Amino acid sequence: MTLKTLLLGATATVALTGTAFAEGHDGERGRDGNVSIIYWQAPSILNPFLSGGTKDIESSSLVVEPLARYDETGALVPWLVDEVPTVANGGVSEDLTTITWKISEGIVWSDGTPLTSADVKFTAEYCMHPEGGCAQGAFFDGVETVEALDDLTVKVTFNQPKPNPYGPFVGGQSPIIQAAQFAECLGARAPECTEANFNPIGTGPFKVVEFKPNDVITFEANENFRIEGKPAFATVTFKGGGDAAAAGRSVLETGEFDYAWNLQLAPDVIASMESAGKGVAIAGFGPLVERIEMNLTNPSADLPPETRATVAEPHPFLSDKVVREAMSMAIDRELLVEVGYGKAGKPTCDLVPVPDNYAAQNTSCFAQDIAGANAMLDEAGIVDSDGDGIREKDGVPLKVLYQTSTNAVRQDFQALIKQWWTEIGVETELRNVSGSVFFGGDPGSPDTFQKFYADVEMYANTFNGTDPQQYLAAYRCGNEPKPASQWQGENINRFCEEEYDALIDELARTGDIAARGEIAKKMNNMLTVDSWTIVPLVHRGRVSAHALDLGGVKLNTWDSELWNVADWYRKKGS
């Protein structure tokens, strides 16, 4: 089967599916009062184009929306359009080089002005600006032009046939921003537009009342929202900070909050909390992978700020594959799963663990091999020459700073991995940073995961939908965070291979599903088992929790977890 075949046959599916908002909307808007949400990684910005952090992308999804998104099954559904463009309905050209979106009539921004194709075109200009740094730039890979054909019609032209044209403006990571609000925020000025970045005008069910970065957001129902009677809640209190355990308790034990995100806790801890009878834990597997990222550049504070952690300064020993592979071999992934996730985790060697068509299903890293790692380093001449227990490469001791966000499971992982690395002659300093800061994307902060002022770092990441094209395209040469991009960019490791870039282009123009899978597997392997630039650890299930009297929740592992917040309601008689 080809993607073109899917495009030809997709019309009936997307037309019948409609948006999640199509289900019943009895009652007045705001009838159920307040709903309280807690993300223990606090949002620091409400512009997803200036942060790759899930906390920022998902909190902003209450306000800013894409043209289409993925539902809880991974199916593509229309959102700000009546139907998803396909070849069959004429929205995608026969040669697969263009996609034309038709915005639904009557949609307005929360300030009452109409949503038009000019806003969509502007969003592309904002993210693709050569002087700016867009955290979601890979969504626009291969885009040649974006044209507003009339007030409600926008045409995207690609630089080659694009069998999967659903990148720009699709999913929670690629929403539409208002041209009028962000007009003066293009390029290098983007991070300076605090008012717009903290208080975006949107088409979503809620609008921002007050945003206290790294603390709390107050939202209220958007009176101009397009669906009558929705949202059911008049206000949202969105609390950030604390830790996963406190967030879990606040829903499952005390009932203080209605919804808690990302309960990255040991399974017995969650079960104990759930027994209090206040709420229920919900889980689902998508493509979320906890991994270690290896910095291919030198993060030393002794370097000038304009070259520190950039491709101008290769890492003195992590640029050697032997070192990276030995560090991977020393890790016992099965023990990590047992300690941290139980049934909510699986060991993995892959960056893309699902869907099956794209999953390489490598298992070579599952068995820990300390002896093999030591032998490999010995053979490469990377030895402990002075007897202090630390190996050296070309006179540079293998000492690494290992950073991650503050979380009990992640600190347990750090402690175990530090011990295993000690056993192969790698000295490890541990550092943890508040998730609000680590994932915040502030170009002025030295502590973000994008800036990567450490040798290795650990976190989890995922992609929207069921096709990893955009996710894998993030590792194109030049897409690394750097001073010129205000430290935005998705190529966190600073990876660059011409062969890989060629595969990005090949994947983009390949329609056959099986062939796409083989290309994606090659790309996965180049980043993981062939180079260990990325060291996957655990394929994680998403675990969140909601109050027993909160209805309408559908856990979505393929898009924003808050994708259908307009459908949430308070169950009566609970």
Protein backbone atom coordinates (compact mmCIF):
# COMPACT_ATOMS: atom_id res chain seq x y z
CA MET A 1 0.00 0.00 0.00
CA THR A 2 1.21 3.52 -0.74
CA LEU A 3 0.60 6.76 1.09
CA LYS A 4 -1.05 7.99 -2.09
CA THR A 5 -3.50 5.10 -1.79
CA LEU A 6 -4.18 6.15 1.77
CA LEU A 7 -4.71 9.71 0.64
CA LEU A 8 -7.16 8.53 -2.01
CA GLY A 9 -9.13 6.51 0.51
CA ALA A 10 -8.92 8.83 3.47
CA THR A 11 -11.80 11.14 2.63
CA ALA A 12 -14.59 8.99 4.04
CA THR A 13 -12.69 8.40 7.26
CA VAL A 14 -11.88 12.02 8.01
CA ALA A 15 -15.26 13.31 6.88
CA LEU A 16 -17.11 10.90 9.18
CA THR A 17 -14.72 11.29 12.07
CA GLY A 18 -15.01 15.05 12.33
CA THR A 19 -13.58 16.73 15.40
CA ALA A 20 -13.79 15.44 18.93
CA PHE A 21 -16.03 18.42 19.60
CA ALA A 22 -18.78 16.92 17.40
CA GLU A 23 -20.13 14.88 20.32
CA GLY A 24 -23.01 16.22 22.43
CA HIS A 25 -22.89 19.77 23.75
CA ASP A 26 -25.94 20.04 25.98
CA GLY A 27 -25.97 22.88 28.49
CA GLU A 28 -24.49 26.32 28.78
CA ARG A 29 -20.85 27.11 28.30
CA GLY A 30 -19.02 27.27 31.63
CA ARG A 31 -21.76 25.45 33.54
CA ASP A 32 -19.38 23.23 35.52
CA GLY A 33 -17.27 25.90 37.18
CA ASN A 34 -13.55 25.30 37.54
CA VAL A 35 -11.35 22.38 36.54
CA SER A 36 -7.88 22.10 38.04
CA ILE A 37 -4.92 20.59 36.20
CA ILE A 38 -1.43 19.95 37.57
CA TYR A 39 1.74 19.47 35.53
CA TRP A 40 4.66 18.96 37.87
CA GLN A 41 6.91 20.38 35.15
CA ALA A 42 5.62 23.93 35.17
CA PRO A 43 5.00 25.73 31.86
CA SER A 44 7.40 28.61 31.24
CA ILE A 45 6.00 29.92 27.95
CA LEU A 46 2.76 29.53 25.97
CA ASN A 47 4.28 29.68 22.50
CA PRO A 48 5.07 26.12 21.34
CA PHE A 49 7.29 27.46 18.57
CA LEU A 50 9.74 28.71 21.21
CA SER A 51 9.84 25.57 23.33
CA GLY A 52 10.21 21.89 22.64
CA GLY A 53 9.01 21.06 26.15
CA THR A 54 5.86 18.96 26.37
CA LYS A 55 4.63 21.04 29.31
CA ASP A 56 4.66 24.19 27.18
CA ILE A 57 3.21 22.56 24.06
CA GLU A 58 0.34 20.97 25.97
CA SER A 59 -0.56 23.94 28.17
CA SER A 60 -0.68 26.17 25.10
CA SER A 61 -2.95 23.64 23.33
CA LEU A 62 -5.87 24.92 25.42
CA VAL A 63 -5.53 28.17 23.48
CA VAL A 64 -3.80 27.72 20.09
CA GLU A 65 -4.88 24.97 17.71
CA PRO A 66 -3.75 23.29 14.48
CA LEU A 67 -5.78 22.82 11.30
CA ALA A 68 -5.93 19.07 11.95
CA ARG A 69 -4.73 16.79 14.70
CA TYR A 70 -4.56 13.18 15.84
CA ASP A 71 -7.22 11.58 17.99
CA GLU A 72 -6.72 9.03 20.75
CA THR A 73 -6.40 6.21 18.19
CA GLY A 74 -3.76 8.06 16.14
CA ALA A 75 -6.24 8.86 13.35
CA LEU A 76 -5.93 12.23 11.62
CA VAL A 77 -9.06 14.34 12.20
CA PRO A 78 -10.08 17.82 10.99
CA TRP A 79 -9.99 20.57 13.59
CA LEU A 80 -10.18 24.06 12.09
CA VAL A 81 -11.22 22.67 8.71
CA ASP A 82 -14.25 20.69 7.57
CA GLU A 83 -12.19 17.90 6.07
CA VAL A 84 -8.57 16.82 5.82
CA PRO A 85 -7.22 17.39 2.28
CA THR A 86 -6.64 14.23 0.24
CA VAL A 87 -6.02 13.38 -3.40
CA ALA A 88 -9.61 12.15 -3.66
CA ASN A 89 -11.16 15.43 -2.53
CA GLY A 90 -8.73 17.53 -4.55
CA GLY A 91 -6.93 18.94 -1.52
CA VAL A 92 -3.67 17.14 -2.36
CA SER A 93 -2.33 17.43 -5.90
CA GLU A 94 -1.97 14.29 -8.02
CA ASP A 95 1.80 14.79 -8.10
CA LEU A 96 1.84 15.14 -4.29
CA THR A 97 3.70 18.47 -4.38
CA THR A 98 0.92 20.61 -2.89
CA ILE A 99 -1.71 20.45 -0.17
CA THR A 100 -4.55 22.96 0.02
CA TRP A 101 -6.40 23.55 3.27
CA LYS A 102 -9.85 25.17 3.45
CA ILE A 103 -10.54 26.73 6.84
CA SER A 104 -14.06 26.24 8.18
CA GLU A 105 -16.29 29.28 7.89
CA GLY A 106 -17.09 31.39 10.92
CA ILE A 107 -14.11 30.55 13.13
CA VAL A 108 -12.87 33.55 15.07
CA TRP A 109 -10.00 34.23 17.42
CA SER A 110 -10.81 34.78 21.07
CA ASP A 111 -10.64 38.55 20.42
CA GLY A 112 -13.51 38.20 17.94
CA THR A 113 -11.51 38.74 14.75
CA PRO A 114 -11.77 36.11 12.00
CA LEU A 115 -9.26 33.32 11.53
CA THR A 116 -8.02 33.58 7.94
CA SER A 117 -5.51 32.02 5.60
CA ALA A 118 -3.28 35.03 6.30
CA ASP A 119 -2.79 33.72 9.84
CA VAL A 120 -1.79 30.32 8.52
CA LYS A 121 0.63 31.84 6.02
CA PHE A 122 2.08 34.05 8.74
CA THR A 123 2.61 31.07 11.03
CA ALA A 124 4.82 29.48 8.37
CA GLU A 125 6.75 32.73 7.89
CA TYR A 126 7.24 32.98 11.64
CA CYS A 127 8.63 29.46 12.02
CA MET A 128 10.65 29.47 8.79
CA HIS A 129 12.23 32.90 9.33
CA PRO A 130 15.98 32.64 8.57
CA GLU A 131 16.94 34.82 11.53
CA GLY A 132 14.79 33.02 14.06
CA GLY A 133 14.88 29.78 15.95
CA CYS A 134 11.71 27.72 15.71
CA ALA A 135 11.53 24.74 18.06
CA GLN A 136 9.18 23.02 15.61
CA GLY A 137 11.09 23.80 12.42
CA ALA A 138 11.13 20.17 11.25
CA PHE A 139 7.40 20.40 10.55
CA PHE A 140 8.25 22.77 7.69
CA ASP A 141 11.01 20.62 6.23
CA GLY A 142 10.70 20.68 2.44
CA VAL A 143 8.17 23.54 2.36
CA GLU A 144 8.84 25.81 -0.62
CA THR A 145 5.94 28.28 -0.35
CA VAL A 146 2.78 28.90 1.64
CA GLU A 147 0.16 30.97 -0.20
CA ALA A 148 -3.14 32.48 0.90
CA LEU A 149 -5.39 31.88 -2.13
CA ASP A 150 -8.41 33.55 -0.55
CA ASP A 151 -9.51 34.36 2.99
CA LEU A 152 -10.12 30.74 3.90
CA THR A 153 -7.83 28.83 1.53
CA VAL A 154 -4.12 28.24 2.01
CA LYS A 155 -1.84 26.27 -0.29
CA VAL A 156 1.44 24.66 0.77
CA THR A 157 3.92 23.77 -1.98
CA PHE A 158 6.76 21.35 -1.30
CA ASN A 159 10.14 21.18 -3.04
CA GLN A 160 9.45 17.58 -4.14
CA PRO A 161 6.53 15.12 -4.07
CA LYS A 162 5.44 14.71 -0.43
CA PRO A 163 3.52 11.48 0.11
CA ASN A 164 2.98 12.53 3.72
CA PRO A 165 2.03 16.22 3.46
CA TYR A 166 0.58 16.38 6.98
CA GLY A 167 3.44 18.18 8.68
CA PRO A 168 2.82 21.94 8.74
CA PHE A 169 -0.20 23.02 10.80
CA VAL A 170 -1.00 19.49 12.00
CA GLY A 171 -0.87 18.30 15.61
CA GLY A 172 -0.37 20.11 18.88
CA GLN A 173 3.25 20.92 18.08
CA SER A 174 2.35 22.91 14.95
CA PRO A 175 -0.62 25.19 15.72
CA ILE A 176 -1.73 28.46 14.12
CA ILE A 177 -0.75 31.76 15.76
CA GLN A 178 -2.45 35.07 15.09
CA ALA A 179 -0.67 37.25 12.52
CA ALA A 180 -1.85 40.50 14.10
CA GLN A 181 -0.54 39.58 17.53
CA PHE A 182 2.86 38.28 16.41
CA ALA A 183 3.48 40.67 13.47
CA GLU A 184 6.41 42.37 15.21
CA CYS A 185 7.86 39.13 16.56
CA LEU A 186 9.59 37.67 13.52
CA GLY A 187 13.13 36.34 13.46
CA ALA A 188 15.50 37.32 16.24
CA ARG A 189 12.74 39.36 17.89
CA ALA A 190 10.62 36.29 18.62
CA PRO A 191 11.88 35.66 22.19
CA GLU A 192 11.48 39.36 23.06
CA CYS A 193 7.69 39.38 22.55
CA THR A 194 6.83 38.49 26.12
CA GLU A 195 3.19 39.60 26.01
CA ALA A 196 2.43 37.51 22.92
CA ASN A 197 4.46 34.52 24.11
CA PHE A 198 2.81 34.50 27.55
CA ASN A 199 -0.72 35.48 26.48
CA PRO A 200 -1.38 34.15 22.98
CA ILE A 201 -4.70 34.84 21.34
CA GLY A 202 -6.18 31.57 20.13
CA THR A 203 -9.13 29.74 18.64
CA GLY A 204 -9.21 27.09 21.38
CA PRO A 205 -11.80 26.55 24.10
CA PHE A 206 -9.95 28.68 26.64
CA LYS A 207 -8.07 31.97 26.77
CA VAL A 208 -5.36 33.16 29.12
CA VAL A 209 -6.36 35.36 32.04
CA GLU A 210 -3.05 35.37 33.89
CA PHE A 211 0.21 33.52 33.36
CA LYS A 212 2.82 33.27 36.10
CA PRO A 213 5.75 31.47 34.42
CA ASN A 214 6.92 28.35 36.22
CA ASP A 215 3.96 28.60 38.59
CA VAL A 216 0.29 28.87 37.63
CA ILE A 217 -1.88 29.77 34.65
CA THR A 218 -5.48 30.92 34.94
CA PHE A 219 -7.65 30.33 31.89
CA GLU A 220 -11.28 31.21 31.24
CA ALA A 221 -13.73 29.89 28.69
CA ASN A 222 -13.41 31.49 25.26
CA GLU A 223 -16.79 33.14 24.68
CA ASN A 224 -16.08 33.07 20.95
CA PHE A 225 -15.36 29.34 20.82
CA ARG A 226 -17.00 27.78 17.78
CA ILE A 227 -18.93 24.97 19.51
CA GLU A 228 -22.09 26.01 21.35
CA GLY A 229 -22.17 24.94 24.99
CA LYS A 230 -18.45 24.16 25.12
CA PRO A 231 -16.30 24.15 27.10
CA ALA A 232 -18.29 22.93 30.06
CA PHE A 233 -15.84 24.54 32.46
CA ALA A 234 -15.83 28.29 33.00
CA THR A 235 -12.23 28.40 34.21
CA VAL A 236 -9.10 26.31 34.36
CA THR A 237 -6.49 26.49 37.08
CA PHE A 238 -3.30 25.08 35.60
CA LYS A 239 -0.74 24.56 38.33
CA GLY A 240 2.89 23.82 37.62
CA GLY A 241 5.77 22.66 39.77
CA GLY A 242 6.42 20.23 42.57
CA ASP A 243 7.10 16.63 41.67
CA ALA A 244 5.33 13.66 40.17
CA ALA A 245 4.53 12.12 43.56
CA ALA A 246 2.86 15.28 44.86
CA ALA A 247 0.92 15.63 41.60
CA GLY A 248 -0.30 12.06 41.84
CA ARG A 249 -1.38 12.47 45.45
CA SER A 250 -3.25 15.69 44.65
CA VAL A 251 -5.61 13.77 42.33
CA LEU A 252 -5.60 10.20 43.57
CA GLU A 253 -5.44 10.73 47.34
CA THR A 254 -6.55 14.23 48.33
CA GLY A 255 -8.79 15.21 45.42
CA GLU A 256 -7.27 18.70 45.36
CA PHE A 257 -6.82 18.56 41.59
CA ASP A 258 -8.86 17.03 38.79
CA TYR A 259 -6.10 15.99 36.39
CA ALA A 260 -2.42 15.14 36.89
CA TRP A 261 -0.05 14.67 33.98
CA ASN A 262 2.91 12.32 33.56
CA LEU A 263 2.97 10.29 36.75
CA GLN A 264 6.55 9.19 36.33
CA LEU A 265 6.41 7.02 39.43
CA ALA A 266 7.04 3.42 40.34
CA PRO A 267 3.90 1.33 39.64
CA ASP A 268 3.43 0.26 43.26
CA VAL A 269 3.41 3.92 44.30
CA ILE A 270 0.63 4.71 41.81
CA ALA A 271 -1.39 1.68 42.90
CA SER A 272 -1.11 2.73 46.55
CA MET A 273 -2.31 6.25 45.73
CA GLU A 274 -5.17 4.95 43.61
CA SER A 275 -6.46 2.84 46.50
CA ALA A 276 -7.60 6.05 48.24
CA GLY A 277 -10.56 6.09 45.86
CA LYS A 278 -10.42 9.73 44.76
CA GLY A 279 -9.26 9.19 41.19
CA VAL A 280 -8.08 6.76 38.56
CA ALA A 281 -4.76 6.35 36.78
CA ILE A 282 -4.91 6.06 32.99
CA ALA A 283 -2.15 4.76 30.72
CA GLY A 284 -1.36 4.19 27.09
CA PHE A 285 1.66 3.40 24.92
CA GLY A 286 2.62 5.77 22.13
CA PRO A 287 6.12 6.51 20.80
CA LEU A 288 7.49 8.04 24.05
CA VAL A 289 11.11 7.04 24.71
CA GLU A 290 13.30 7.83 27.72
CA ARG A 291 16.78 8.23 26.34
CA ILE A 292 20.29 9.51 26.98
CA GLU A 293 21.54 12.09 24.53
CA MET A 294 25.27 12.24 23.85
CA ASN A 295 26.69 15.70 23.24
CA LEU A 296 28.86 15.58 20.12
CA THR A 297 30.14 19.08 20.91
CA ASN A 298 32.22 20.45 23.76
CA PRO A 299 30.18 22.05 26.56
CA SER A 300 33.20 23.26 28.53
CA ALA A 301 32.70 26.59 30.28
CA ASP A 302 36.31 27.43 29.32
CA LEU A 303 35.21 27.98 25.71
CA PRO A 304 33.91 31.30 24.33
CA PRO A 305 30.08 31.54 24.58
CA GLU A 306 29.76 31.84 20.79
CA THR A 307 31.36 28.41 20.23
CA ARG A 308 30.59 26.54 23.46
CA ALA A 309 28.39 23.48 22.75
CA THR A 310 28.35 24.23 19.03
CA VAL A 311 29.62 22.30 16.02
CA ALA A 312 32.70 24.55 16.02
CA GLU A 313 33.97 22.61 19.05
CA PRO A 314 33.78 18.79 18.76
CA HIS A 315 33.58 16.86 22.01
CA PRO A 316 37.04 15.59 23.11
CA PHE A 317 35.88 12.01 23.65
CA LEU A 318 32.12 11.63 23.08
CA SER A 319 32.75 12.31 19.40
CA ASP A 320 34.30 8.82 19.43
CA LYS A 321 31.70 6.12 18.76
CA VAL A 322 33.66 3.58 20.82
CA VAL A 323 33.15 5.62 23.98
CA ARG A 324 29.46 6.12 23.30
CA GLU A 325 28.88 2.45 22.54
CA ALA A 326 30.75 1.31 25.65
CA MET A 327 28.63 3.64 27.79
CA SER A 328 25.50 2.12 26.26
CA MET A 329 26.73 -1.44 26.80
CA ALA A 330 27.23 -0.74 30.51
CA ILE A 331 23.52 -0.03 31.06
CA ASP A 332 21.04 -2.65 32.30
CA ARG A 333 17.82 -1.49 30.65
CA GLU A 334 15.71 -4.30 32.02
CA LEU A 335 16.63 -3.29 35.56
CA LEU A 336 15.79 0.33 34.76
CA VAL A 337 12.33 -0.74 33.62
CA GLU A 338 11.82 -2.81 36.76
CA VAL A 339 12.95 0.04 39.04
CA GLY A 340 11.17 2.87 37.30
CA TYR A 341 8.14 1.73 35.34
CA GLY A 342 7.11 -1.89 35.75
CA LYS A 343 4.36 -2.72 33.24
CA ALA A 344 4.35 0.91 32.08
CA GLY A 345 7.76 0.48 30.48
CA LYS A 346 9.67 -1.74 28.08
CA PRO A 347 13.43 -1.82 27.37
CA THR A 348 14.26 -0.38 23.98
CA CYS A 349 17.23 0.21 21.72
CA ASP A 350 15.17 2.34 19.32
CA LEU A 351 14.29 6.01 19.06
CA VAL A 352 11.14 5.05 17.12
CA PRO A 353 9.58 2.09 18.98
CA VAL A 354 6.14 2.20 17.28
CA PRO A 355 4.18 1.86 15.02
CA ASP A 356 5.35 -1.57 13.90
CA ASN A 357 5.93 -0.49 10.30
CA TYR A 358 8.59 2.00 11.43
CA ALA A 359 10.03 0.15 14.43
CA ALA A 360 13.42 -1.49 13.87
CA GLN A 361 12.83 -3.68 16.96
CA ASN A 362 16.52 -3.84 17.86
CA THR A 363 17.25 -5.89 20.97
CA SER A 364 21.06 -5.97 20.94
CA CYS A 365 21.30 -3.45 23.79
CA PHE A 366 19.04 -5.33 26.21
CA ALA A 367 21.81 -7.40 27.81
CA GLN A 368 24.22 -5.41 29.97
CA ASP A 369 27.87 -6.15 29.11
CA ILE A 370 30.33 -4.45 31.45
CA ALA A 371 33.15 -6.82 30.50
CA GLY A 372 32.57 -6.26 26.79
CA ALA A 373 32.53 -2.49 27.25
CA ASN A 374 35.83 -2.57 29.11
CA ALA A 375 37.41 -4.80 26.46
CA MET A 376 36.23 -2.48 23.69
CA LEU A 377 37.75 0.56 25.38
CA ASP A 378 41.00 -1.31 26.07
CA GLU A 379 41.29 -2.33 22.44
CA ALA A 380 40.76 1.27 21.33
CA GLY A 381 43.60 2.42 23.59
CA ILE A 382 41.26 4.36 25.85
CA VAL A 383 42.80 3.22 29.13
CA ASP A 384 43.44 4.26 32.71
CA SER A 385 47.06 5.27 32.38
CA ASP A 386 47.61 6.69 35.87
CA GLY A 387 45.67 4.22 38.00
CA ASP A 388 43.02 6.64 39.29
CA GLY A 389 40.16 4.53 37.92
CA ILE A 390 39.36 6.97 35.12
CA ARG A 391 40.19 6.20 31.51
CA GLU A 392 41.69 8.81 29.21
CA LYS A 393 41.37 9.46 25.50
CA ASP A 394 44.24 11.43 23.99
CA GLY A 395 45.11 12.61 27.49
CA VAL A 396 41.56 13.78 28.32
CA PRO A 397 39.95 11.96 31.29
CA LEU A 398 36.55 10.42 30.65
CA LYS A 399 34.69 12.65 33.09
CA VAL A 400 31.10 13.49 32.21
CA LEU A 401 28.44 15.81 33.56
CA TYR A 402 25.13 13.91 33.36
CA GLN A 403 22.07 16.11 33.63
CA THR A 404 18.33 15.58 33.61
CA SER A 405 15.18 17.07 35.08
CA THR A 406 14.33 16.72 38.77
CA ASN A 407 12.24 13.59 39.24
CA ALA A 408 12.56 10.61 41.59
CA VAL A 409 12.64 7.99 38.82
CA ARG A 410 15.21 9.94 36.83
CA GLN A 411 17.41 10.41 39.87
CA ASP A 412 17.22 6.64 40.50
CA PHE A 413 18.28 6.07 36.90
CA GLN A 414 21.15 8.53 37.28
CA ALA A 415 22.46 6.77 40.39
CA LEU A 416 22.40 3.36 38.72
CA ILE A 417 23.95 4.54 35.48
CA LYS A 418 26.66 6.47 37.34
CA GLN A 419 27.65 3.25 39.10
CA TRP A 420 27.71 1.25 35.85
CA TRP A 421 29.80 3.89 34.12
CA THR A 422 32.23 3.91 37.04
CA GLU A 423 32.75 0.19 36.37
CA ILE A 424 34.03 0.99 32.86
CA GLY A 425 36.28 3.88 33.93
CA VAL A 426 33.94 6.82 33.26
CA GLU A 427 33.64 9.28 36.14
CA THR A 428 30.17 10.83 36.32
CA GLU A 429 28.95 13.99 37.98
CA LEU A 430 25.19 14.09 38.42
CA ARG A 431 23.06 17.17 38.04
CA ASN A 432 19.31 17.65 38.04
CA VAL A 433 17.42 20.77 37.01
CA SER A 434 13.83 21.77 37.63
CA GLY A 435 11.74 20.53 34.69
CA SER A 436 10.27 24.01 34.31
CA VAL A 437 13.72 25.36 33.54
CA PHE A 438 15.23 22.32 31.80
CA PHE A 439 12.44 22.12 29.24
CA GLY A 440 11.72 25.86 29.19
CA GLY A 441 13.64 26.96 26.11
CA ASP A 442 14.74 30.30 27.60
CA PRO A 443 17.66 31.40 25.38
CA GLY A 444 19.19 33.24 28.33
CA SER A 445 19.25 30.20 30.62
CA PRO A 446 22.34 27.96 30.81
CA ASP A 447 20.23 25.07 32.06
CA THR A 448 17.96 24.13 29.14
CA PHE A 449 18.16 20.78 27.42
CA GLN A 450 18.54 22.59 24.09
CA LYS A 451 21.60 24.55 25.21
CA PHE A 452 23.09 21.26 26.46
CA TYR A 453 25.84 22.62 28.70
CA ALA A 454 26.59 19.05 29.82
CA ASP A 455 28.18 15.96 28.32
CA VAL A 456 25.13 13.72 28.46
CA GLU A 457 21.51 14.39 29.34
CA MET A 458 18.43 12.27 29.82
CA TYR A 459 14.77 12.95 29.07
CA ALA A 460 11.86 11.53 27.11
CA ASN A 461 10.46 12.73 23.83
CA THR A 462 7.78 11.72 21.35
CA PHE A 463 6.13 12.75 18.10
CA ASN A 464 2.63 13.65 16.95
CA GLY A 465 0.71 11.08 14.93
CA THR A 466 1.76 7.66 13.69
CA ASP A 467 4.38 8.66 11.11
CA PRO A 468 7.90 9.59 12.33
CA GLN A 469 8.94 11.60 9.26
CA GLN A 470 9.00 14.97 11.00
CA TYR A 471 10.55 13.47 14.14
CA LEU A 472 13.45 11.96 12.21
CA ALA A 473 13.88 15.05 10.03
CA ALA A 474 14.81 16.97 13.18
CA TYR A 475 18.35 15.60 12.92
CA ARG A 476 19.18 17.35 9.67
CA CYS A 477 22.56 19.11 9.58
CA GLY A 478 22.13 22.71 10.66
CA ASN A 479 19.01 22.07 12.74
CA GLU A 480 20.99 22.04 15.98
CA PRO A 481 20.41 24.67 18.69
CA LYS A 482 23.00 27.44 18.47
CA PRO A 483 23.38 31.12 19.32
CA ALA A 484 22.16 32.18 15.86
CA SER A 485 18.85 30.35 16.45
CA GLN A 486 18.41 31.63 20.01
CA TRP A 487 19.32 28.08 21.04
CA GLN A 488 16.18 26.65 19.42
CA GLY A 489 16.35 23.53 17.25
CA GLU A 490 15.48 19.87 17.59
CA ASN A 491 18.86 18.32 16.72
CA ILE A 492 19.92 18.26 20.36
CA ASN A 493 23.07 16.14 19.88
CA ARG A 494 24.41 18.37 17.06
CA PHE A 495 24.40 15.27 14.83
CA CYS A 496 25.34 15.77 11.17
CA GLU A 497 25.73 13.15 8.45
CA GLU A 498 25.23 13.75 4.72
CA GLU A 499 23.94 10.19 4.32
CA TYR A 500 21.30 10.85 6.97
CA ASP A 501 20.19 14.08 5.29
CA ALA A 502 19.81 12.17 2.04
CA LEU A 503 17.55 9.66 3.83
CA ILE A 504 15.40 12.53 5.16
CA ASP A 505 14.78 13.60 1.56
CA GLU A 506 14.22 10.03 0.41
CA LEU A 507 11.67 9.39 3.15
CA ALA A 508 9.87 12.60 2.28
CA ARG A 509 9.30 11.53 -1.35
CA THR A 510 8.65 7.80 -0.77
CA GLY A 511 5.02 6.71 -0.88
CA ASP A 512 5.16 2.96 -0.44
CA ILE A 513 4.44 2.19 3.21
CA ALA A 514 6.84 -0.76 3.43
CA ALA A 515 9.62 1.24 1.77
CA ARG A 516 8.98 4.16 4.13
CA GLY A 517 9.35 1.78 7.02
CA GLU A 518 12.71 0.51 5.79
CA ILE A 519 14.05 4.03 5.33
CA ALA A 520 12.86 5.08 8.79
CA LYS A 521 14.52 2.03 10.32
CA LYS A 522 17.82 2.94 8.66
CA MET A 523 17.52 6.44 10.08
CA ASN A 524 16.67 5.11 13.52
CA ASN A 525 19.69 2.83 13.42
CA MET A 526 22.05 5.60 12.31
CA LEU A 527 21.10 7.57 15.40
CA THR A 528 21.07 4.60 17.78
CA VAL A 529 22.62 1.14 17.32
CA ASP A 530 25.01 2.20 14.55
CA SER A 531 26.40 5.25 16.35
CA TRP A 532 24.89 5.51 19.86
CA THR A 533 24.50 9.25 19.38
CA ILE A 534 21.16 8.64 21.08
CA VAL A 535 21.05 5.90 23.71
CA PRO A 536 17.43 4.75 24.12
CA LEU A 537 16.58 3.29 27.51
CA VAL A 538 12.86 2.75 28.06
CA HIS A 539 9.80 2.78 25.81
CA ARG A 540 7.47 4.49 28.26
CA GLY A 541 3.75 4.35 28.58
CA ARG A 542 2.08 7.64 29.39
CA VAL A 543 0.51 7.50 32.83
CA SER A 544 -1.73 10.31 34.05
CA ALA A 545 -4.65 10.47 36.46
CA HIS A 546 -8.03 12.14 36.72
CA ALA A 547 -10.69 12.58 39.38
CA LEU A 548 -13.51 10.07 39.38
CA ASP A 549 -16.04 12.82 38.70
CA LEU A 550 -14.18 14.27 35.69
CA GLY A 551 -15.82 13.04 32.50
CA GLY A 552 -14.83 13.19 28.85
CA VAL A 553 -11.13 12.44 29.32
CA LYS A 554 -9.56 10.44 26.49
CA LEU A 555 -5.86 9.81 27.00
CA ASN A 556 -4.05 10.65 23.78
CA THR A 557 -0.51 9.39 23.24
CA TRP A 558 -0.35 10.70 19.66
CA ASP A 559 -0.99 14.43 20.22
CA SER A 560 -1.45 16.85 23.11
CA GLU A 561 -2.74 15.03 26.16
CA LEU A 562 -5.19 17.94 26.58
CA TRP A 563 -6.41 17.65 22.99
CA ASN A 564 -10.12 17.30 23.86
CA VAL A 565 -10.31 19.50 26.97
CA ALA A 566 -13.39 21.18 25.46
CA ASP A 567 -15.20 17.84 25.98
CA TRP A 568 -14.36 17.53 29.66
CA TYR A 569 -17.22 17.93 32.10
CA ARG A 570 -18.17 17.34 35.71
CA LYS A 571 -20.14 14.14 36.24
CA LYS A 572 -23.36 14.78 38.09
CA GLY A 573 -24.10 12.96 41.31
CA SER A 574 -20.46 11.97 41.84
